[in-house]
Amino acid sequence: MIGVIFLYQIKFINMDTITKKDLNILREQIISDIGSLLDSRIDNSKESEEFGWMRSKAIRKALNISASTLQNLRITGKIRFKKVLGSYYYNKEDLQHLFDDEKE
């Protein structure tokens, strides 16, 4: 068997050395960016709740009800809803009135 050896000339392009300090700075920036994203998401969810419309998941969590219970309320027309891009939004006031009617 005849072996063939290829020799390559390796050229190093002007590269900077990455130090542990650089990695720590990058880590801190990433953590800061993630924190900012989480804060903005929390602010957005608070704004939508103040607006009067809440997503299905938020309502199910707040009322401790199943998805099917929420669906039954929607189908029977007891609460108003809007479907936007595949997500259901429910009117917060309707839910409050629903429980007010139950008390009376």
C-alpha atoms as a PDB file:
ATOM      1  CA  MET A   1       0.000   0.000   0.000  1.00  0.00           C
ATOM      2  CA  ILE A   2       1.236   3.377  -0.869  1.00  0.00           C
ATOM      3  CA  GLY A   3       0.408   6.182   1.534  1.00  0.00           C
ATOM      4  CA  VAL A   4      -0.103   9.709   0.342  1.00  0.00           C
ATOM      5  CA  ILE A   5       0.764  12.555   2.622  1.00  0.00           C
ATOM      6  CA  PHE A   6      -0.668  15.986   2.019  1.00  0.00           C
ATOM      7  CA  LEU A   7       1.088  18.909   3.543  1.00  0.00           C
ATOM      8  CA  TYR A   8      -0.864  22.066   4.107  1.00  0.00           C
ATOM      9  CA  GLN A   9       0.582  25.401   4.850  1.00  0.00           C
ATOM     10  CA  ILE A  10      -1.474  26.872   7.650  1.00  0.00           C
ATOM     11  CA  LYS A  11      -1.827  30.615   7.692  1.00  0.00           C
ATOM     12  CA  PHE A  12      -3.082  32.294  10.805  1.00  0.00           C
ATOM     13  CA  ILE A  13      -5.270  35.249  10.129  1.00  0.00           C
ATOM     14  CA  ASN A  14      -4.931  38.159  12.510  1.00  0.00           C
ATOM     15  CA  MET A  15      -6.863  36.743  15.487  1.00  0.00           C
ATOM     16  CA  ASP A  16      -7.264  38.170  18.938  1.00  0.00           C
ATOM     17  CA  THR A  17      -6.704  36.025  21.978  1.00  0.00           C
ATOM     18  CA  ILE A  18      -9.794  35.403  24.090  1.00  0.00           C
ATOM     19  CA  THR A  19      -9.116  35.559  27.789  1.00  0.00           C
ATOM     20  CA  LYS A  20     -11.112  34.474  30.813  1.00  0.00           C
ATOM     21  CA  LYS A  21     -11.819  38.135  31.464  1.00  0.00           C
ATOM     22  CA  ASP A  22     -13.395  38.453  27.999  1.00  0.00           C
ATOM     23  CA  LEU A  23     -15.565  35.408  28.661  1.00  0.00           C
ATOM     24  CA  ASN A  24     -16.680  36.801  32.023  1.00  0.00           C
ATOM     25  CA  ILE A  25     -17.637  40.101  30.383  1.00  0.00           C
ATOM     26  CA  LEU A  26     -19.612  38.213  27.731  1.00  0.00           C
ATOM     27  CA  ARG A  27     -21.341  36.134  30.421  1.00  0.00           C
ATOM     28  CA  GLU A  28     -22.341  39.276  32.325  1.00  0.00           C
ATOM     29  CA  GLN A  29     -23.709  40.860  29.142  1.00  0.00           C
ATOM     30  CA  ILE A  30     -25.743  37.756  28.327  1.00  0.00           C
ATOM     31  CA  ILE A  31     -27.165  37.577  31.851  1.00  0.00           C
ATOM     32  CA  SER A  32     -28.032  41.269  31.710  1.00  0.00           C
ATOM     33  CA  ASP A  33     -29.754  40.856  28.330  1.00  0.00           C
ATOM     34  CA  ILE A  34     -31.770  37.879  29.559  1.00  0.00           C
ATOM     35  CA  GLY A  35     -32.836  39.856  32.632  1.00  0.00           C
ATOM     36  CA  SER A  36     -33.946  42.751  30.433  1.00  0.00           C
ATOM     37  CA  LEU A  37     -35.965  40.422  28.214  1.00  0.00           C
ATOM     38  CA  LEU A  38     -37.673  38.835  31.206  1.00  0.00           C
ATOM     39  CA  ASP A  39     -38.480  42.253  32.691  1.00  0.00           C
ATOM     40  CA  SER A  40     -39.987  43.456  29.409  1.00  0.00           C
ATOM     41  CA  ARG A  41     -42.067  40.288  29.131  1.00  0.00           C
ATOM     42  CA  ILE A  42     -43.403  40.776  32.663  1.00  0.00           C
ATOM     43  CA  ASP A  43     -44.207  44.424  31.876  1.00  0.00           C
ATOM     44  CA  ASN A  44     -46.013  43.387  28.674  1.00  0.00           C
ATOM     45  CA  SER A  45     -48.139  40.830  30.520  1.00  0.00           C
ATOM     46  CA  LYS A  46     -49.051  43.417  33.163  1.00  0.00           C
ATOM     47  CA  GLU A  47     -50.028  45.905  30.454  1.00  0.00           C
ATOM     48  CA  SER A  48     -52.261  43.363  28.721  1.00  0.00           C
ATOM     49  CA  GLU A  49     -53.960  42.520  32.028  1.00  0.00           C
ATOM     50  CA  GLU A  50     -54.530  46.234  32.689  1.00  0.00           C
ATOM     51  CA  PHE A  51     -55.942  46.540  29.184  1.00  0.00           C
ATOM     52  CA  GLY A  52     -58.634  44.053  30.130  1.00  0.00           C
ATOM     53  CA  TRP A  53     -57.764  41.028  28.004  1.00  0.00           C
ATOM     54  CA  MET A  54     -55.844  38.047  29.294  1.00  0.00           C
ATOM     55  CA  ARG A  55     -54.423  34.953  27.614  1.00  0.00           C
ATOM     56  CA  SER A  56     -55.809  31.506  28.305  1.00  0.00           C
ATOM     57  CA  LYS A  57     -52.819  30.369  30.320  1.00  0.00           C
ATOM     58  CA  ALA A  58     -52.965  33.400  32.642  1.00  0.00           C
ATOM     59  CA  ILE A  59     -56.675  32.876  33.278  1.00  0.00           C
ATOM     60  CA  ARG A  60     -56.331  29.144  33.887  1.00  0.00           C
ATOM     61  CA  LYS A  61     -53.520  29.811  36.350  1.00  0.00           C
ATOM     62  CA  ALA A  62     -55.332  32.642  38.145  1.00  0.00           C
ATOM     63  CA  LEU A  63     -58.609  30.727  38.463  1.00  0.00           C
ATOM     64  CA  ASN A  64     -57.039  27.287  38.867  1.00  0.00           C
ATOM     65  CA  ILE A  65     -59.232  25.796  36.150  1.00  0.00           C
ATOM     66  CA  SER A  66     -58.506  23.360  33.348  1.00  0.00           C
ATOM     67  CA  ALA A  67     -58.303  24.180  29.663  1.00  0.00           C
ATOM     68  CA  SER A  68     -61.556  22.272  29.066  1.00  0.00           C
ATOM     69  CA  THR A  69     -63.410  24.302  31.708  1.00  0.00           C
ATOM     70  CA  LEU A  70     -62.261  27.508  30.067  1.00  0.00           C
ATOM     71  CA  GLN A  71     -63.276  26.119  26.681  1.00  0.00           C
ATOM     72  CA  ASN A  72     -66.756  25.289  28.019  1.00  0.00           C
ATOM     73  CA  LEU A  73     -67.164  28.849  29.314  1.00  0.00           C
ATOM     74  CA  ARG A  74     -66.153  30.113  25.882  1.00  0.00           C
ATOM     75  CA  ILE A  75     -68.445  27.776  23.923  1.00  0.00           C
ATOM     76  CA  THR A  76     -71.492  28.465  26.089  1.00  0.00           C
ATOM     77  CA  GLY A  77     -70.995  32.203  25.588  1.00  0.00           C
ATOM     78  CA  LYS A  78     -70.531  33.012  29.253  1.00  0.00           C
ATOM     79  CA  ILE A  79     -67.339  34.941  28.539  1.00  0.00           C
ATOM     80  CA  ARG A  80     -66.219  36.998  25.569  1.00  0.00           C
ATOM     81  CA  PHE A  81     -63.085  36.012  23.739  1.00  0.00           C
ATOM     82  CA  LYS A  82     -60.941  36.985  20.803  1.00  0.00           C
ATOM     83  CA  LYS A  83     -58.695  34.696  18.813  1.00  0.00           C
ATOM     84  CA  VAL A  84     -55.533  36.419  17.635  1.00  0.00           C
ATOM     85  CA  LEU A  85     -52.907  34.447  15.714  1.00  0.00           C
ATOM     86  CA  GLY A  86     -54.061  31.181  17.252  1.00  0.00           C
ATOM     87  CA  SER A  87     -54.152  32.412  20.867  1.00  0.00           C
ATOM     88  CA  TYR A  88     -57.364  33.022  22.765  1.00  0.00           C
ATOM     89  CA  TYR A  89     -57.771  36.201  24.798  1.00  0.00           C
ATOM     90  CA  TYR A  90     -60.543  36.583  27.338  1.00  0.00           C
ATOM     91  CA  ASN A  91     -62.160  39.690  28.775  1.00  0.00           C
ATOM     92  CA  LYS A  92     -61.206  40.187  32.393  1.00  0.00           C
ATOM     93  CA  GLU A  93     -64.474  41.955  33.265  1.00  0.00           C
ATOM     94  CA  ASP A  94     -66.557  39.036  31.974  1.00  0.00           C
ATOM     95  CA  LEU A  95     -64.762  36.693  34.345  1.00  0.00           C
ATOM     96  CA  GLN A  96     -65.391  39.009  37.279  1.00  0.00           C
ATOM     97  CA  HIS A  97     -69.090  39.285  36.352  1.00  0.00           C
ATOM     98  CA  LEU A  98     -69.310  35.519  35.951  1.00  0.00           C
ATOM     99  CA  PHE A  99     -68.331  35.047  39.578  1.00  0.00           C
ATOM    100  CA  ASP A 100     -70.461  37.967  40.741  1.00  0.00           C
ATOM    101  CA  ASP A 101     -73.504  36.250  39.188  1.00  0.00           C
ATOM    102  CA  GLU A 102     -72.610  33.021  40.974  1.00  0.00           C
ATOM    103  CA  LYS A 103     -72.674  34.812  44.363  1.00  0.00           C
ATOM    104  CA  GLU A 104     -76.152  36.266  43.854  1.00  0.00           C
END
